[in-house]
Amino acid sequence: MDPFVEELDADEHYCDACEKLRDPDECVYYCKQDNLIVEIKCVITEVLYSLKGARGT
């Protein structure tokens, strides 16, 4: 688990983007303001979609 991110329910770790179980030993993106924990692979996927215009934006 990322030493800078403390989760209240440490028994199960979910990615807030894909809502799938995630490996607690993998690096994550954490937004303290929104209390959001997202796997890096999900962040990269979303950025690539945005750059390619795949999301229509």
C-alpha atoms as a PDB file:
ATOM      1  CA  MET A   1       0.000   0.000   0.000  1.00  0.00           C
ATOM      2  CA  ASP A   2       1.163   3.502  -0.719  1.00  0.00           C
ATOM      3  CA  PRO A   3       2.548   4.750   2.618  1.00  0.00           C
ATOM      4  CA  PHE A   4       0.935   8.155   2.050  1.00  0.00           C
ATOM      5  CA  VAL A   5      -2.579   6.764   1.594  1.00  0.00           C
ATOM      6  CA  GLU A   6      -4.451   5.352   4.545  1.00  0.00           C
ATOM      7  CA  GLU A   7      -7.733   3.641   3.831  1.00  0.00           C
ATOM      8  CA  LEU A   8     -10.355   3.138   6.494  1.00  0.00           C
ATOM      9  CA  ASP A   9     -11.319  -0.356   5.311  1.00  0.00           C
ATOM     10  CA  ALA A  10      -7.913  -1.921   4.774  1.00  0.00           C
ATOM     11  CA  ASP A  11      -9.290  -5.435   4.135  1.00  0.00           C
ATOM     12  CA  GLU A  12     -10.358  -4.687   0.564  1.00  0.00           C
ATOM     13  CA  HIS A  13      -8.852  -2.172  -1.840  1.00  0.00           C
ATOM     14  CA  TYR A  14     -10.866  -0.898  -4.795  1.00  0.00           C
ATOM     15  CA  CYS A  15     -10.013   1.449  -7.632  1.00  0.00           C
ATOM     16  CA  ASP A  16     -12.526   4.312  -7.637  1.00  0.00           C
ATOM     17  CA  ALA A  17     -12.305   4.586 -11.448  1.00  0.00           C
ATOM     18  CA  CYS A  18     -12.940   0.992 -12.575  1.00  0.00           C
ATOM     19  CA  GLU A  19     -14.436  -0.179  -9.246  1.00  0.00           C
ATOM     20  CA  LYS A  20     -12.449  -3.421  -9.354  1.00  0.00           C
ATOM     21  CA  LEU A  21     -10.307  -4.883  -6.600  1.00  0.00           C
ATOM     22  CA  ARG A  22      -6.779  -3.533  -6.803  1.00  0.00           C
ATOM     23  CA  ASP A  23      -3.414  -4.670  -5.520  1.00  0.00           C
ATOM     24  CA  PRO A  24      -2.658  -2.649  -2.358  1.00  0.00           C
ATOM     25  CA  ASP A  25       1.074  -2.855  -3.147  1.00  0.00           C
ATOM     26  CA  GLU A  26       0.688  -1.064  -6.499  1.00  0.00           C
ATOM     27  CA  CYS A  27       1.105   2.705  -6.807  1.00  0.00           C
ATOM     28  CA  VAL A  28      -2.079   4.759  -6.905  1.00  0.00           C
ATOM     29  CA  TYR A  29      -3.234   8.286  -7.699  1.00  0.00           C
ATOM     30  CA  TYR A  30      -4.810   9.816  -4.591  1.00  0.00           C
ATOM     31  CA  CYS A  31      -6.883  12.995  -4.476  1.00  0.00           C
ATOM     32  CA  LYS A  32      -7.301  14.086  -0.867  1.00  0.00           C
ATOM     33  CA  GLN A  33      -9.904  16.734  -1.755  1.00  0.00           C
ATOM     34  CA  ASP A  34     -12.226  14.200  -3.419  1.00  0.00           C
ATOM     35  CA  ASN A  35     -11.114  11.175  -1.341  1.00  0.00           C
ATOM     36  CA  LEU A  36     -10.391   9.362  -4.593  1.00  0.00           C
ATOM     37  CA  ILE A  37      -7.975   6.453  -5.019  1.00  0.00           C
ATOM     38  CA  VAL A  38      -7.326   5.337  -8.597  1.00  0.00           C
ATOM     39  CA  GLU A  39      -4.910   2.786 -10.037  1.00  0.00           C
ATOM     40  CA  ILE A  40      -2.190   4.362 -12.178  1.00  0.00           C
ATOM     41  CA  LYS A  41      -3.194   2.184 -15.154  1.00  0.00           C
ATOM     42  CA  CYS A  42      -6.720   3.651 -14.999  1.00  0.00           C
ATOM     43  CA  VAL A  43      -5.353   7.203 -14.881  1.00  0.00           C
ATOM     44  CA  ILE A  44      -3.101   6.542 -17.881  1.00  0.00           C
ATOM     45  CA  THR A  45      -5.977   4.963 -19.818  1.00  0.00           C
ATOM     46  CA  GLU A  46      -8.204   8.000 -19.223  1.00  0.00           C
ATOM     47  CA  VAL A  47      -5.447  10.427 -20.224  1.00  0.00           C
ATOM     48  CA  LEU A  48      -4.775   8.496 -23.448  1.00  0.00           C
ATOM     49  CA  TYR A  49      -8.503   8.475 -24.297  1.00  0.00           C
ATOM     50  CA  SER A  50      -8.636  12.236 -23.753  1.00  0.00           C
ATOM     51  CA  LEU A  51      -5.566  12.869 -25.906  1.00  0.00           C
ATOM     52  CA  LYS A  52      -6.982  10.732 -28.720  1.00  0.00           C
ATOM     53  CA  GLY A  53     -10.444  12.275 -28.409  1.00  0.00           C
ATOM     54  CA  ALA A  54     -11.971   8.834 -27.859  1.00  0.00           C
ATOM     55  CA  ARG A  55     -14.333  10.193 -25.212  1.00  0.00           C
ATOM     56  CA  GLY A  56     -15.802  12.773 -27.570  1.00  0.00           C
ATOM     57  CA  THR A  57     -14.345  15.735 -25.700  1.00  0.00           C
END
